[in-house]
N, C-alpha and C. Protein backbone atom coordinates (compact mmCIF):
# COMPACT_ATOMS: atom_id res chain seq x y z
N MET A 1 10.14 1.15 -15.65
CA MET A 1 10.43 -0.08 -14.91
C MET A 1 10.70 -1.19 -15.96
N ASP A 2 11.62 -2.04 -15.58
CA ASP A 2 11.97 -3.14 -16.40
C ASP A 2 10.75 -4.18 -16.46
N GLU A 3 10.63 -4.88 -17.58
CA GLU A 3 9.55 -5.82 -17.80
C GLU A 3 9.50 -6.86 -16.71
N PRO A 4 10.60 -7.38 -16.14
CA PRO A 4 10.55 -8.52 -15.23
C PRO A 4 9.94 -7.88 -13.83
N ILE A 5 10.31 -6.68 -13.54
CA ILE A 5 9.76 -6.04 -12.31
C ILE A 5 8.23 -5.84 -12.49
N LEU A 6 7.76 -5.32 -13.62
CA LEU A 6 6.38 -5.19 -13.84
C LEU A 6 5.63 -6.53 -13.76
N ASP A 7 6.26 -7.55 -14.40
CA ASP A 7 5.61 -8.81 -14.28
C ASP A 7 5.45 -9.39 -12.85
N ALA A 8 6.53 -9.18 -12.06
CA ALA A 8 6.45 -9.58 -10.61
C ALA A 8 5.38 -8.79 -9.84
N ILE A 9 5.25 -7.58 -10.15
CA ILE A 9 4.21 -6.73 -9.51
C ILE A 9 2.81 -7.28 -9.84
N CYS A 10 2.65 -7.56 -11.19
CA CYS A 10 1.33 -7.94 -11.65
C CYS A 10 0.91 -9.29 -11.10
N GLU A 11 1.91 -10.14 -10.92
CA GLU A 11 1.65 -11.55 -10.25
C GLU A 11 1.16 -11.39 -8.89
N ARG A 12 1.45 -10.32 -8.21
CA ARG A 12 1.05 -10.14 -6.74
C ARG A 12 -0.19 -9.37 -6.57
N LEU A 13 -0.78 -8.82 -7.63
CA LEU A 13 -1.97 -7.98 -7.48
C LEU A 13 -3.09 -8.91 -7.11
N ARG A 14 -3.93 -8.43 -6.18
CA ARG A 14 -5.15 -9.03 -5.68
C ARG A 14 -6.31 -8.12 -5.74
N GLN A 15 -7.48 -8.49 -6.16
CA GLN A 15 -8.58 -7.66 -6.17
C GLN A 15 -9.30 -7.72 -4.83
N LYS A 16 -9.63 -6.53 -4.37
CA LYS A 16 -10.39 -6.46 -3.06
C LYS A 16 -11.49 -5.40 -3.20
N THR A 17 -12.62 -5.75 -2.74
CA THR A 17 -13.73 -4.78 -2.74
C THR A 17 -14.01 -4.32 -1.32
N TYR A 18 -14.18 -2.97 -1.27
CA TYR A 18 -14.42 -2.28 -0.03
C TYR A 18 -15.86 -1.70 -0.03
N ILE A 19 -16.54 -1.90 1.07
CA ILE A 19 -17.89 -1.23 1.13
C ILE A 19 -17.74 0.19 1.59
N SER A 20 -18.78 0.99 1.31
CA SER A 20 -18.78 2.44 1.63
C SER A 20 -18.52 2.61 3.10
N GLY A 21 -17.62 3.59 3.39
CA GLY A 21 -17.24 3.90 4.76
C GLY A 21 -16.05 2.99 5.39
N SER A 22 -15.59 2.11 4.56
CA SER A 22 -14.49 1.28 5.02
C SER A 22 -13.25 2.16 5.08
N ARG A 23 -12.39 1.71 6.10
CA ARG A 23 -11.07 2.34 6.22
C ARG A 23 -10.08 1.50 5.43
N VAL A 24 -9.44 2.07 4.39
CA VAL A 24 -8.56 1.41 3.54
C VAL A 24 -7.11 1.35 4.08
N MET A 25 -6.73 2.55 4.50
CA MET A 25 -5.44 2.83 5.13
C MET A 25 -5.50 3.78 6.26
N SER A 26 -4.61 3.76 7.15
CA SER A 26 -4.66 4.76 8.30
C SER A 26 -3.47 5.70 8.16
N GLN A 27 -3.71 6.99 8.41
CA GLN A 27 -2.63 7.99 8.49
C GLN A 27 -1.65 7.66 9.57
N GLY A 28 -0.35 7.79 9.25
CA GLY A 28 0.75 7.56 10.16
C GLY A 28 1.14 6.14 10.28
N GLY A 29 0.35 5.29 9.72
CA GLY A 29 0.73 3.88 9.76
C GLY A 29 1.78 3.46 8.75
N VAL A 30 2.31 2.26 8.86
CA VAL A 30 3.27 1.84 7.90
C VAL A 30 2.47 1.45 6.54
N VAL A 31 3.00 1.92 5.48
CA VAL A 31 2.32 1.66 4.13
C VAL A 31 2.71 0.23 3.82
N GLU A 32 1.74 -0.62 3.72
CA GLU A 32 1.94 -2.01 3.43
C GLU A 32 1.40 -2.46 2.16
N LYS A 33 0.62 -1.62 1.51
CA LYS A 33 -0.04 -2.06 0.29
C LYS A 33 -0.25 -0.75 -0.60
N MET A 34 -0.41 -1.13 -1.90
CA MET A 34 -0.65 -0.09 -2.90
C MET A 34 -2.07 -0.37 -3.33
N VAL A 35 -2.90 0.70 -3.43
CA VAL A 35 -4.26 0.48 -3.84
C VAL A 35 -4.53 1.27 -5.13
N PHE A 36 -5.19 0.46 -6.17
CA PHE A 36 -5.49 1.08 -7.42
C PHE A 36 -7.11 1.18 -7.35
N VAL A 37 -7.56 2.33 -7.69
CA VAL A 37 -9.07 2.47 -7.80
C VAL A 37 -9.50 1.98 -9.18
N VAL A 38 -10.16 0.90 -9.18
CA VAL A 38 -10.66 0.37 -10.41
C VAL A 38 -12.07 0.86 -10.74
N ARG A 39 -12.86 0.86 -9.71
CA ARG A 39 -14.25 1.36 -9.87
C ARG A 39 -14.66 2.07 -8.58
N GLY A 40 -15.46 3.12 -8.73
CA GLY A 40 -15.82 3.91 -7.55
C GLY A 40 -14.89 5.02 -7.22
N LYS A 41 -14.77 5.35 -5.94
CA LYS A 41 -13.91 6.48 -5.53
C LYS A 41 -13.52 6.20 -4.03
N LEU A 42 -12.45 6.85 -3.68
CA LEU A 42 -11.96 6.86 -2.32
C LEU A 42 -11.76 8.32 -1.97
N GLU A 43 -11.87 8.59 -0.66
CA GLU A 43 -11.63 9.84 -0.11
C GLU A 43 -10.39 9.77 0.84
N SER A 44 -9.40 10.48 0.65
CA SER A 44 -8.24 10.55 1.56
C SER A 44 -8.44 11.74 2.49
N VAL A 45 -8.52 11.56 3.70
CA VAL A 45 -8.67 12.68 4.71
C VAL A 45 -7.55 12.73 5.64
N ASN A 46 -6.94 13.90 5.83
CA ASN A 46 -5.88 14.09 6.79
C ASN A 46 -6.59 14.25 8.13
N GLY A 47 -6.32 13.30 9.16
CA GLY A 47 -6.92 13.38 10.43
C GLY A 47 -6.58 14.54 11.25
N GLU A 48 -5.54 15.26 10.96
CA GLU A 48 -5.23 16.44 11.82
C GLU A 48 -6.05 17.68 11.42
N ASN A 49 -6.15 17.82 10.10
CA ASN A 49 -6.79 19.10 9.74
C ASN A 49 -8.07 18.84 8.98
N GLY A 50 -8.43 17.58 8.67
CA GLY A 50 -9.62 17.26 8.04
C GLY A 50 -9.71 17.52 6.48
N ILE A 51 -8.56 17.97 5.94
CA ILE A 51 -8.45 18.24 4.56
C ILE A 51 -8.43 16.93 3.78
N GLY A 52 -9.24 16.81 2.71
CA GLY A 52 -9.25 15.61 2.01
C GLY A 52 -9.10 15.72 0.51
N ILE A 53 -8.74 14.66 -0.12
CA ILE A 53 -8.74 14.59 -1.62
C ILE A 53 -9.47 13.37 -2.07
N SER A 54 -10.05 13.45 -3.20
CA SER A 54 -10.76 12.28 -3.76
C SER A 54 -9.86 11.64 -4.69
N LEU A 55 -9.94 10.26 -4.72
CA LEU A 55 -9.27 9.41 -5.69
C LEU A 55 -10.47 8.74 -6.39
N ALA A 56 -10.30 8.72 -7.79
CA ALA A 56 -11.31 8.18 -8.68
C ALA A 56 -10.71 7.06 -9.48
N GLU A 57 -11.53 6.45 -10.36
CA GLU A 57 -11.08 5.39 -11.24
C GLU A 57 -9.77 5.72 -11.93
N GLY A 58 -8.78 4.89 -11.87
CA GLY A 58 -7.50 5.06 -12.45
C GLY A 58 -6.50 5.74 -11.57
N ASP A 59 -6.88 6.22 -10.37
CA ASP A 59 -5.97 6.69 -9.35
C ASP A 59 -5.33 5.65 -8.54
N ALA A 60 -4.30 5.97 -7.82
CA ALA A 60 -3.66 5.00 -6.95
C ALA A 60 -3.06 5.79 -5.71
N CYS A 61 -2.88 5.00 -4.62
CA CYS A 61 -2.22 5.51 -3.48
C CYS A 61 -1.34 4.46 -2.93
N GLY A 62 -0.29 4.78 -2.26
CA GLY A 62 0.77 3.94 -1.68
C GLY A 62 1.89 3.73 -2.62
N GLU A 63 2.06 4.65 -3.54
CA GLU A 63 3.14 4.66 -4.55
C GLU A 63 4.55 4.59 -3.97
N GLU A 64 4.63 5.05 -2.71
CA GLU A 64 5.96 5.07 -2.04
C GLU A 64 6.57 3.64 -1.94
N LEU A 65 5.77 2.63 -2.04
CA LEU A 65 6.29 1.24 -1.92
C LEU A 65 7.14 0.96 -3.26
N LEU A 66 7.01 1.71 -4.24
CA LEU A 66 7.78 1.50 -5.53
C LEU A 66 9.15 2.02 -5.46
N THR A 67 9.48 2.85 -4.48
CA THR A 67 10.81 3.48 -4.36
C THR A 67 11.79 2.65 -3.68
């Protein structure tokens, strides 16, 4: 990505803390944010089949917003 684009993204970053058990995003909904895991972990669970993946420090979700 070009430097001006990265700068614009960084200017819009906001830190948010979630408590255990919080819903960060919902399956099937419109993706409105990108989440970076800075500390702790998230679990992504498919509501239809219950299959999940874990996201840990350094991982992100919502990357489709960058396309």
